[in-house]
Amino acid sequence: MNWLILIVAGLCEVGFTFCLGRAKLVTGTEWWLWIGGFVIFSVASMVLLAKATETLPIGTAYPVWTGIGAVGTVLVGIFFFNEPATFWRLFFITTLITSIIGLKMISA
């Protein structure tokens, strides 16, 4: 169950980076709404990470959490913010995913 909580925490990290990316594109009331989403996702991500680390080792949980956030943020950038999808960028994201899977496999 705590692995699921950790995955949701990582997805919340992707959510707060998406909100931050959208906030830089708008002004006024819409900016405040995206910043509100950023704050909500940030708090949810941190609370869920703290909950997951009650039973998962911090040395595994934190890298998995940041890895999910990093991979998700790169994908959001490519699909929603027109960032480049170069060979090397995708290659290193793939190595990050492989490392996250490796950490999960060696954890209790």
C-alpha atoms as a PDB file:
ATOM      1  CA  MET A   1       0.000   0.000   0.000  1.00  0.00           C
ATOM      2  CA  ASN A   2       2.815   2.424   0.815  1.00  0.00           C
ATOM      3  CA  TRP A   3       4.281   1.938  -2.671  1.00  0.00           C
ATOM      4  CA  LEU A   4       0.950   3.101  -4.106  1.00  0.00           C
ATOM      5  CA  ILE A   5       0.993   6.113  -1.779  1.00  0.00           C
ATOM      6  CA  LEU A   6       4.531   6.886  -2.935  1.00  0.00           C
ATOM      7  CA  ILE A   7       3.503   6.692  -6.602  1.00  0.00           C
ATOM      8  CA  VAL A   8       0.585   9.058  -5.980  1.00  0.00           C
ATOM      9  CA  ALA A   9       2.989  11.409  -4.149  1.00  0.00           C
ATOM     10  CA  GLY A  10       5.250  11.399  -7.211  1.00  0.00           C
ATOM     11  CA  LEU A  11       2.293  12.107  -9.489  1.00  0.00           C
ATOM     12  CA  CYS A  12       1.346  15.025  -7.234  1.00  0.00           C
ATOM     13  CA  GLU A  13       4.868  16.335  -7.794  1.00  0.00           C
ATOM     14  CA  VAL A  14       4.189  16.195 -11.536  1.00  0.00           C
ATOM     15  CA  GLY A  15       0.906  18.014 -10.845  1.00  0.00           C
ATOM     16  CA  PHE A  16       2.598  20.879  -9.045  1.00  0.00           C
ATOM     17  CA  THR A  17       5.189  21.320 -11.782  1.00  0.00           C
ATOM     18  CA  PHE A  18       2.415  21.351 -14.412  1.00  0.00           C
ATOM     19  CA  CYS A  19       0.568  24.048 -12.444  1.00  0.00           C
ATOM     20  CA  LEU A  20       3.773  26.051 -12.155  1.00  0.00           C
ATOM     21  CA  GLY A  21       4.336  25.772 -15.903  1.00  0.00           C
ATOM     22  CA  ARG A  22       0.799  26.934 -16.641  1.00  0.00           C
ATOM     23  CA  ALA A  23       1.046  29.798 -14.133  1.00  0.00           C
ATOM     24  CA  LYS A  24       3.980  31.319 -16.005  1.00  0.00           C
ATOM     25  CA  LEU A  25       1.802  31.561 -19.133  1.00  0.00           C
ATOM     26  CA  VAL A  26      -1.092  33.532 -17.618  1.00  0.00           C
ATOM     27  CA  THR A  27      -1.822  36.584 -15.473  1.00  0.00           C
ATOM     28  CA  GLY A  28      -4.490  37.853 -13.120  1.00  0.00           C
ATOM     29  CA  THR A  29      -7.068  35.548 -11.577  1.00  0.00           C
ATOM     30  CA  GLU A  30      -6.014  32.604 -13.722  1.00  0.00           C
ATOM     31  CA  TRP A  31      -2.452  32.917 -12.346  1.00  0.00           C
ATOM     32  CA  TRP A  32      -3.800  32.731  -8.789  1.00  0.00           C
ATOM     33  CA  LEU A  33      -5.819  29.617  -9.639  1.00  0.00           C
ATOM     34  CA  TRP A  34      -2.764  27.821 -11.070  1.00  0.00           C
ATOM     35  CA  ILE A  35      -0.679  28.883  -8.060  1.00  0.00           C
ATOM     36  CA  GLY A  36      -3.457  27.538  -5.809  1.00  0.00           C
ATOM     37  CA  GLY A  37      -3.211  24.216  -7.646  1.00  0.00           C
ATOM     38  CA  PHE A  38       0.561  24.342  -7.221  1.00  0.00           C
ATOM     39  CA  VAL A  39       0.207  24.787  -3.444  1.00  0.00           C
ATOM     40  CA  ILE A  40      -2.408  22.017  -3.124  1.00  0.00           C
ATOM     41  CA  PHE A  41      -0.346  19.516  -5.140  1.00  0.00           C
ATOM     42  CA  SER A  42       2.831  20.499  -3.260  1.00  0.00           C
ATOM     43  CA  VAL A  43       1.280  19.913   0.148  1.00  0.00           C
ATOM     44  CA  ALA A  44      -0.364  16.666  -0.976  1.00  0.00           C
ATOM     45  CA  SER A  45       2.919  15.417  -2.411  1.00  0.00           C
ATOM     46  CA  MET A  46       4.869  16.131   0.771  1.00  0.00           C
ATOM     47  CA  VAL A  47       2.205  14.655   3.076  1.00  0.00           C
ATOM     48  CA  LEU A  48       1.959  11.488   0.994  1.00  0.00           C
ATOM     49  CA  LEU A  49       5.755  11.172   0.858  1.00  0.00           C
ATOM     50  CA  ALA A  50       5.888  11.469   4.647  1.00  0.00           C
ATOM     51  CA  LYS A  51       3.174   8.816   4.965  1.00  0.00           C
ATOM     52  CA  ALA A  52       4.994   6.431   2.604  1.00  0.00           C
ATOM     53  CA  THR A  53       8.261   6.782   4.514  1.00  0.00           C
ATOM     54  CA  GLU A  54       6.633   5.511   7.684  1.00  0.00           C
ATOM     55  CA  THR A  55       7.358   1.998   6.393  1.00  0.00           C
ATOM     56  CA  LEU A  56       9.547   2.430   3.303  1.00  0.00           C
ATOM     57  CA  PRO A  57      13.246   3.264   3.676  1.00  0.00           C
ATOM     58  CA  ILE A  58      13.877   6.978   3.060  1.00  0.00           C
ATOM     59  CA  GLY A  59      16.921   6.074   0.956  1.00  0.00           C
ATOM     60  CA  THR A  60      14.601   4.300  -1.477  1.00  0.00           C
ATOM     61  CA  ALA A  61      11.401   6.342  -1.160  1.00  0.00           C
ATOM     62  CA  TYR A  62      12.950   9.748  -1.788  1.00  0.00           C
ATOM     63  CA  PRO A  63      14.803   8.811  -5.004  1.00  0.00           C
ATOM     64  CA  VAL A  64      11.707   7.015  -6.316  1.00  0.00           C
ATOM     65  CA  TRP A  65       9.555  10.058  -5.492  1.00  0.00           C
ATOM     66  CA  THR A  66      11.922  12.505  -7.165  1.00  0.00           C
ATOM     67  CA  GLY A  67      12.396  10.128 -10.096  1.00  0.00           C
ATOM     68  CA  ILE A  68       8.660   9.903 -10.736  1.00  0.00           C
ATOM     69  CA  GLY A  69       8.500  13.671 -10.508  1.00  0.00           C
ATOM     70  CA  ALA A  70      11.463  14.168 -12.851  1.00  0.00           C
ATOM     71  CA  VAL A  71      10.273  11.699 -15.480  1.00  0.00           C
ATOM     72  CA  GLY A  72       6.704  12.985 -15.291  1.00  0.00           C
ATOM     73  CA  THR A  73       7.811  16.603 -15.503  1.00  0.00           C
ATOM     74  CA  VAL A  74       9.946  15.927 -18.588  1.00  0.00           C
ATOM     75  CA  LEU A  75       6.993  14.166 -20.240  1.00  0.00           C
ATOM     76  CA  VAL A  76       4.635  17.021 -19.313  1.00  0.00           C
ATOM     77  CA  GLY A  77       7.147  19.465 -20.777  1.00  0.00           C
ATOM     78  CA  ILE A  78       7.311  17.501 -24.026  1.00  0.00           C
ATOM     79  CA  PHE A  79       3.561  16.919 -24.401  1.00  0.00           C
ATOM     80  CA  PHE A  80       2.120  20.157 -22.996  1.00  0.00           C
ATOM     81  CA  PHE A  81       4.837  22.832 -23.202  1.00  0.00           C
ATOM     82  CA  ASN A  82       6.469  21.946 -26.544  1.00  0.00           C
ATOM     83  CA  GLU A  83       9.869  21.138 -25.043  1.00  0.00           C
ATOM     84  CA  PRO A  84      12.236  19.133 -27.275  1.00  0.00           C
ATOM     85  CA  ALA A  85      12.187  15.318 -27.250  1.00  0.00           C
ATOM     86  CA  THR A  86      15.786  14.744 -28.303  1.00  0.00           C
ATOM     87  CA  PHE A  87      17.469  11.364 -28.373  1.00  0.00           C
ATOM     88  CA  TRP A  88      19.760  12.151 -25.432  1.00  0.00           C
ATOM     89  CA  ARG A  89      16.964  13.578 -23.326  1.00  0.00           C
ATOM     90  CA  LEU A  90      14.875  10.435 -23.805  1.00  0.00           C
ATOM     91  CA  PHE A  91      17.935   8.230 -23.310  1.00  0.00           C
ATOM     92  CA  PHE A  92      18.713   9.724 -19.895  1.00  0.00           C
ATOM     93  CA  ILE A  93      15.052   9.664 -18.825  1.00  0.00           C
ATOM     94  CA  THR A  94      15.059   5.955 -19.723  1.00  0.00           C
ATOM     95  CA  THR A  95      18.146   5.375 -17.568  1.00  0.00           C
ATOM     96  CA  LEU A  96      16.407   7.200 -14.709  1.00  0.00           C
ATOM     97  CA  ILE A  97      13.342   4.956 -15.060  1.00  0.00           C
ATOM     98  CA  THR A  98      15.588   1.882 -15.072  1.00  0.00           C
ATOM     99  CA  SER A  99      17.269   3.095 -11.881  1.00  0.00           C
ATOM    100  CA  ILE A 100      13.902   3.667 -10.176  1.00  0.00           C
ATOM    101  CA  ILE A 101      12.813   0.131 -11.080  1.00  0.00           C
ATOM    102  CA  GLY A 102      16.139  -1.186  -9.743  1.00  0.00           C
ATOM    103  CA  LEU A 103      15.615   0.597  -6.414  1.00  0.00           C
ATOM    104  CA  LYS A 104      12.130  -0.874  -6.140  1.00  0.00           C
ATOM    105  CA  MET A 105      13.428  -4.374  -6.902  1.00  0.00           C
ATOM    106  CA  ILE A 106      16.113  -4.311  -4.199  1.00  0.00           C
ATOM    107  CA  SER A 107      13.878  -2.799  -1.508  1.00  0.00           C
ATOM    108  CA  ALA A 108      12.076  -4.863   1.082  1.00  0.00           C
END
